[in-house]
Protein backbone atom coordinates (compact mmCIF):
# COMPACT_ATOMS: atom_id res chain seq x y z
CA MET A 1 9.78 1.64 -2.18
CA ARG A 2 10.17 -1.12 -0.49
CA LYS A 3 8.82 -4.79 -0.69
CA LEU A 4 5.29 -5.38 -2.23
CA ILE A 5 3.25 -7.25 -0.13
CA PHE A 6 0.41 -8.03 -1.80
CA SER A 7 -0.97 -9.40 -4.92
CA LEU A 8 -4.84 -9.20 -5.85
CA LEU A 9 -5.91 -12.27 -3.26
CA LEU A 10 -4.41 -12.59 -0.03
CA ALA A 11 -2.15 -15.78 0.24
CA LEU A 12 -3.27 -18.61 2.12
CA ALA A 13 -0.74 -20.42 4.37
CA SER A 14 -0.74 -23.99 5.57
CA HIS A 15 -0.83 -25.29 9.21
CA ALA A 16 -1.04 -28.38 10.79
CA GLY A 17 -4.36 -30.71 11.27
CA TYR A 18 -7.73 -30.25 9.40
CA ALA A 19 -6.79 -26.78 8.30
CA GLN A 20 -3.66 -28.11 6.56
CA ASN A 21 -6.28 -30.41 4.34
CA TYR A 22 -8.50 -27.54 3.87
CA ASN A 23 -5.80 -24.97 2.70
CA SER A 24 -3.93 -27.41 0.29
CA ASP A 25 -7.22 -28.51 -1.18
CA PHE A 26 -8.95 -25.19 -1.26
CA ARG A 27 -5.49 -23.88 -3.32
CA ARG A 28 -5.88 -26.74 -5.68
CA ALA A 29 -8.94 -26.36 -6.41
CA MET A 30 -8.69 -22.25 -7.27
CA GLN A 31 -5.66 -23.53 -9.04
CA ALA A 32 -7.93 -25.81 -11.24
CA GLN A 33 -10.68 -23.27 -11.26
CA ASP A 34 -12.76 -25.50 -9.87
CA THR A 35 -15.65 -23.93 -8.23
CA ALA A 36 -17.86 -26.49 -7.13
CA LYS A 37 -14.65 -28.20 -5.60
CA ALA A 38 -13.52 -24.63 -3.61
CA ARG A 39 -17.37 -24.60 -2.69
CA LYS A 40 -17.04 -28.23 -1.35
CA VAL A 41 -14.14 -27.47 0.98
CA LEU A 42 -15.46 -24.13 2.18
CA THR A 43 -18.72 -25.73 3.44
CA SER A 44 -16.63 -28.58 5.32
CA TRP A 45 -14.09 -26.37 6.52
CA GLN A 46 -16.55 -24.04 8.19
CA GLN A 47 -18.66 -27.32 9.56
CA LYS A 48 -15.50 -28.32 11.35
CA LYS A 49 -13.65 -25.25 12.15
CA PRO A 50 -15.99 -22.25 12.25
CA GLN A 51 -13.63 -20.33 14.39
CA ASP A 52 -10.64 -20.67 11.90
CA PRO A 53 -9.68 -17.01 10.81
CA ASP A 54 -8.19 -18.97 7.66
CA TRP A 55 -11.39 -19.74 6.53
CA TYR A 56 -12.22 -16.15 6.31
CA VAL A 57 -9.42 -15.60 3.80
CA ALA A 58 -10.66 -18.72 1.80
CA ARG A 59 -13.66 -17.37 1.50
CA PHE A 60 -12.83 -14.01 0.78
CA ASN A 61 -10.64 -15.28 -1.48
CA TYR A 62 -12.87 -17.59 -3.47
CA LEU A 63 -15.64 -14.63 -3.41
CA LEU A 64 -13.23 -11.78 -5.01
CA LYS A 65 -12.09 -14.07 -7.50
CA GLN A 66 -16.01 -14.60 -8.72
CA ALA A 67 -16.58 -11.03 -8.52
CA TYR A 68 -13.84 -10.25 -10.89
CA ARG A 69 -14.60 -8.89 -14.42
CA VAL A 70 -13.19 -7.59 -17.79
CA VAL A 71 -14.85 -4.58 -18.39
CA VAL A 72 -15.57 -3.72 -21.74
CA SER A 73 -17.28 -0.20 -22.50
CA SER A 74 -18.35 1.64 -25.77
CA ASP A 75 -18.13 5.29 -24.29
CA PRO A 76 -15.21 7.06 -24.94
CA SER A 77 -15.75 8.98 -21.76
CA LYS A 78 -15.05 6.00 -19.80
CA GLN A 79 -11.73 4.75 -20.27
CA GLY A 80 -10.63 1.71 -18.91
CA GLY A 81 -7.00 0.18 -18.85
CA MET A 82 -6.49 -0.38 -22.35
CA VAL A 83 -7.91 2.08 -24.90
CA PHE A 84 -9.19 1.10 -28.47
CA ASN A 85 -9.55 3.84 -31.14
CA LYS A 86 -11.42 4.77 -34.02
CA ALA A 87 -9.78 5.16 -37.49
CA ASN A 88 -9.33 8.86 -36.83
CA GLY A 89 -7.60 8.22 -33.65
CA GLU A 90 -10.45 8.84 -31.39
CA ALA A 91 -11.15 7.14 -28.72
CA ALA A 92 -13.71 4.40 -28.87
CA GLY A 93 -13.85 3.08 -26.00
CA SER A 94 -11.40 0.92 -23.49
CA ILE A 95 -10.88 -2.93 -22.01
CA GLY A 96 -10.37 -2.43 -18.07
CA GLU A 97 -11.34 -4.62 -15.14
CA GLY A 98 -14.09 -4.40 -12.68
CA TYR A 99 -16.04 -6.28 -9.76
CA GLU A 100 -19.44 -7.37 -9.70
CA PRO A 101 -20.92 -5.18 -6.48
CA THR A 102 -22.67 -7.67 -4.85
CA LEU A 103 -20.03 -10.10 -4.74
CA LEU A 104 -17.52 -7.89 -4.00
CA ALA A 105 -19.73 -6.52 -0.96
CA ALA A 106 -19.83 -10.30 0.01
CA ALA A 107 -16.15 -10.73 -0.04
CA ARG A 108 -15.41 -7.66 2.10
CA THR A 109 -17.94 -8.50 4.45
CA THR A 110 -16.56 -12.26 4.76
CA LEU A 111 -13.28 -10.59 5.62
CA ARG A 112 -14.59 -7.57 8.11
CA GLU A 113 -16.16 -10.74 10.16
CA GLY A 114 -12.94 -12.39 9.87
CA ILE A 115 -11.15 -9.11 11.34
CA GLU A 116 -13.95 -9.20 14.06
CA LEU A 117 -12.94 -13.01 15.23
CA ALA A 118 -9.47 -12.42 14.90
CA PRO A 119 -8.54 -8.32 15.13
CA ASP A 120 -5.29 -8.82 15.57
CA ARG A 121 -5.02 -10.62 12.19
CA LEU A 122 -2.82 -7.54 10.15
CA ASP A 123 -3.11 -9.70 6.97
CA MET A 124 -6.76 -9.63 6.61
CA ARG A 125 -7.01 -5.99 7.60
CA PHE A 126 -4.43 -5.14 4.80
CA GLY A 127 -6.41 -7.29 2.33
CA LEU A 128 -9.35 -5.72 3.23
CA ALA A 129 -7.70 -2.01 2.23
CA LYS A 130 -6.35 -3.35 -0.80
CA THR A 131 -10.15 -4.05 -2.11
CA TYR A 132 -10.67 -0.49 -1.83
CA GLU A 133 -7.76 0.59 -3.78
CA MET A 134 -8.61 -1.62 -6.55
CA THR A 135 -12.08 -0.09 -6.59
CA GLY A 136 -10.72 3.73 -6.22
CA GLU A 137 -12.33 4.19 -3.47
CA ALA A 138 -9.31 5.74 -1.35
CA ALA A 139 -11.76 6.89 1.80
CA ALA A 140 -12.64 3.58 2.93
CA GLU A 141 -8.72 2.59 2.26
CA ILE A 142 -7.63 5.34 4.85
CA ASP A 143 -10.59 4.48 6.96
CA VAL A 144 -9.54 0.78 7.13
CA LEU A 145 -5.84 1.77 7.59
CA ALA A 146 -6.59 4.25 10.42
CA ALA A 147 -8.97 1.42 12.17
CA ALA A 148 -6.51 -0.76 11.80
CA LEU A 149 -3.40 1.46 13.78
CA ALA A 150 -5.93 2.49 16.20
CA ASP A 151 -6.93 -0.52 17.17
CA ARG A 152 -3.18 -1.70 17.39
CA GLN A 153 -2.36 1.40 19.57
CA THR A 154 -5.40 0.48 22.20
CA SER A 155 -5.28 -3.23 22.29
CA GLY A 156 -1.80 -3.17 22.87
CA LYS A 157 -1.88 -6.66 21.18
CA PRO A 158 1.09 -7.54 18.40
CA TRP A 159 0.07 -8.00 15.12
CA ARG A 160 -0.11 -11.48 13.46
CA TRP A 161 0.54 -12.56 9.70
CA ARG A 162 -1.08 -15.11 7.42
CA ASP A 163 -2.09 -18.27 9.69
CA GLY A 164 -1.65 -16.54 12.70
CA ALA A 165 1.70 -16.11 12.74
CA ALA A 166 4.34 -13.50 13.54
CA LEU A 167 4.97 -10.51 11.43
CA PRO A 168 7.81 -10.95 8.31
CA ALA A 169 9.60 -8.51 10.33
CA ALA A 170 9.78 -6.44 13.20
CA GLU A 171 6.57 -4.15 13.72
CA ALA A 172 8.81 -0.87 13.73
CA ASN A 173 10.07 -1.53 10.20
CA PHE A 174 7.40 -3.46 8.78
CA LEU A 175 4.29 -1.16 9.34
CA PRO A 176 5.91 1.65 7.71
CA GLU A 177 7.31 -0.17 5.05
CA SER A 178 3.86 -1.88 4.06
CA MET A 179 1.97 1.50 4.50
CA GLU A 180 4.23 3.41 1.93
CA GLU A 181 3.60 0.80 -0.26
CA TYR A 182 -0.13 1.99 0.11
CA MET A 183 1.05 5.26 -1.13
CA LEU A 184 2.85 4.30 -4.18
CA PRO A 185 -0.15 4.13 -6.69
CA TYR A 186 -1.37 7.42 -5.41
CA TRP A 187 2.01 9.23 -6.04
CA GLN A 188 2.03 7.57 -9.12
CA MET A 189 -1.20 8.99 -10.23
CA GLN A 190 -0.01 12.33 -10.23
CA SER A 191 -2.74 14.19 -9.24
CA ALA A 192 -3.99 16.85 -6.61
CA GLU A 193 -6.41 14.44 -5.17
CA ALA A 194 -4.12 11.35 -5.14
CA ASP A 195 -1.77 13.32 -3.06
CA GLU A 196 -4.13 14.08 -0.41
CA VAL A 197 -4.41 10.48 -0.01
CA VAL A 198 -0.84 10.16 0.42
CA ARG A 199 -0.70 13.33 2.80
CA GLN A 200 -3.50 11.09 4.80
CA MET A 201 -1.39 8.28 5.05
CA ALA A 202 2.07 10.02 5.56
CA GLU A 203 0.05 11.46 9.18
CA LEU A 204 -0.85 8.04 10.22
CA LEU A 205 2.26 7.28 10.26
CA VAL A 206 3.65 10.27 11.78
CA LYS A 207 1.20 9.55 14.78
CA TYR A 208 1.39 5.85 15.10
CA TYR A 209 5.18 5.03 14.00
CA PRO A 210 6.70 8.47 15.13
CA ALA A 211 10.19 6.70 14.80
CA SER A 212 10.18 5.97 11.41
CA SER A 213 11.82 8.07 8.77
CA LEU A 214 8.85 6.94 5.95
CA GLY A 215 5.94 9.31 7.93
CA PRO A 216 8.30 12.58 7.26
CA PHE A 217 9.75 11.77 4.30
CA ASN A 218 6.33 10.92 2.29
CA LEU A 219 4.94 14.00 4.27
CA ALA A 220 8.03 16.48 2.84
CA THR A 221 7.85 14.94 -0.52
CA TYR A 222 4.11 15.91 -0.65
CA TYR A 223 4.47 19.74 0.78
CA ALA A 224 7.95 19.78 -1.53
CA GLN A 225 5.12 19.02 -4.69
CA LYS A 226 2.99 21.95 -3.02
CA LYS A 227 6.43 24.21 -3.25
CA GLN A 228 5.92 24.85 0.37
CA TRP A 229 10.09 24.65 0.48
CA GLY A 230 9.66 25.65 4.71
CA LYS A 231 7.90 22.79 5.40
CA ALA A 232 9.21 20.36 3.57
CA LEU A 233 12.73 21.61 4.89
CA GLU A 234 11.45 20.74 8.86
CA LEU A 235 10.13 17.13 7.65
CA PHE A 236 12.82 16.19 5.57
CA GLN A 237 15.05 17.35 8.76
CA GLN A 238 13.14 14.72 10.99
CA ALA A 239 13.28 12.04 8.07
CA ASN A 240 16.94 12.39 8.38
CA ALA A 241 17.49 12.39 12.05
CA ARG A 242 15.36 9.31 12.39
CA LYS A 243 17.67 7.83 9.66
CA PRO A 244 20.94 9.66 8.57
CA ASN A 245 22.68 9.30 5.79
CA ASP A 246 19.95 7.81 3.26
CA TRP A 247 20.73 8.95 -0.28
CA GLN A 248 16.92 10.22 -1.14
CA THR A 249 16.52 12.25 2.12
CA LEU A 250 20.00 13.92 1.41
CA ALA A 251 19.16 14.73 -2.37
CA ASN A 252 15.62 16.42 -1.21
CA LEU A 253 17.28 18.55 1.97
CA THR A 254 19.86 19.50 -0.77
CA LYS A 255 17.24 20.53 -3.50
CA VAL A 256 15.16 21.87 -0.88
CA GLU A 257 17.73 24.01 0.60
CA ILE A 258 18.27 25.53 -2.93
CA GLU A 259 15.06 26.33 -3.39
CA LEU A 260 15.12 28.52 -0.43
CA GLY A 261 18.36 29.78 -1.65
CA HIS A 262 20.40 28.64 1.24
CA LYS A 263 23.42 27.73 -0.71
CA GLU A 264 25.92 27.15 2.36
CA GLN A 265 23.38 24.41 3.62
CA ALA A 266 22.40 23.37 0.44
CA GLN A 267 26.36 22.11 -0.40
CA GLN A 268 26.57 20.77 3.41
CA TYR A 269 24.17 18.25 2.26
CA LEU A 270 25.49 17.68 -1.09
CA THR A 271 28.89 16.84 0.74
CA ALA A 272 27.19 14.60 2.67
CA LEU A 273 25.35 13.14 -0.51
CA ARG A 274 28.72 12.51 -2.08
CA LYS A 275 29.57 10.44 0.54
CA LEU A 276 27.33 7.87 -0.75
CA PRO A 277 27.92 5.61 -3.86
CA GLU A 278 24.08 5.38 -4.87
CA GLY A 279 23.89 9.50 -4.34
CA ARG A 280 26.60 9.96 -6.74
CA PRO A 281 24.52 10.66 -9.83
CA ALA A 282 22.35 13.03 -7.84
CA ALA A 283 25.08 14.52 -6.15
CA THR A 284 26.44 15.93 -9.70
CA ASP A 285 23.25 17.23 -10.91
CA LEU A 286 22.40 18.94 -7.74
CA SER A 287 25.84 20.66 -7.90
CA LYS A 288 25.23 22.24 -10.75
CA GLU A 289 22.00 23.79 -9.31
CA ILE A 290 24.26 25.12 -6.44
CA GLN A 291 26.52 26.73 -8.49
CA GLN A 292 23.75 29.10 -10.33
CA LEU A 293 22.92 30.59 -6.85
CA LYS A 294 24.48 33.85 -5.78
């Protein structure tokens, strides 16, 4: 997986004039946990620059921080991040993270208002999607991402990033890699429900960024986990065509051909895999599997 682009909160960038002072003052207040000062800066900022998209980012950050809660539950069936047990080893409850619903809703509303003002601000789109990931609302997260990609296609306007700057990298790379990062938590869950979330995100990539290898690669991985080897093979081949000599794709192609009983084809992919230094450990293991084929 590639670079992580988000922490819990959207970052604030500095820029010239009033906004630079507001951003700096707001960051200092937040770092000092001075909520009164942060509110004062936000009020002044809004009065002076009511159409500044970064005010919405700042207010979102403020509200999300206020919404954050440490959740302690004594209900054994509602286990959070850290489970504590009784003397006999049975679960007694947990300590986890959560968000106060009213403040969280206000934070999301603020970001949606910012998106309406500046629909080309991808950082706000991604920030909104992230809040739904944090609260386990995958359907809403996918809706936000799907709407962002559809709006980009309709408008034709390039994405902007923090402070209205250009994206940190070319869109053709940055968007697919960022979307893949949104798949990662769901891959790690290792459940049928989470796999379906990955499938939907991968399908968005295939639809909106068909030149990227990441859409077919993740979709192929989904079908491979379902043991739908023919579909997985087709998609891994698409990924290989879009990005040749990727060791992970070649390793998966070898594995799928083994599962299909295609010894000659598996050997061809294995030969290509062995030429890549990072692929040699996988090639060693896969070679043993090929030898077992009749």
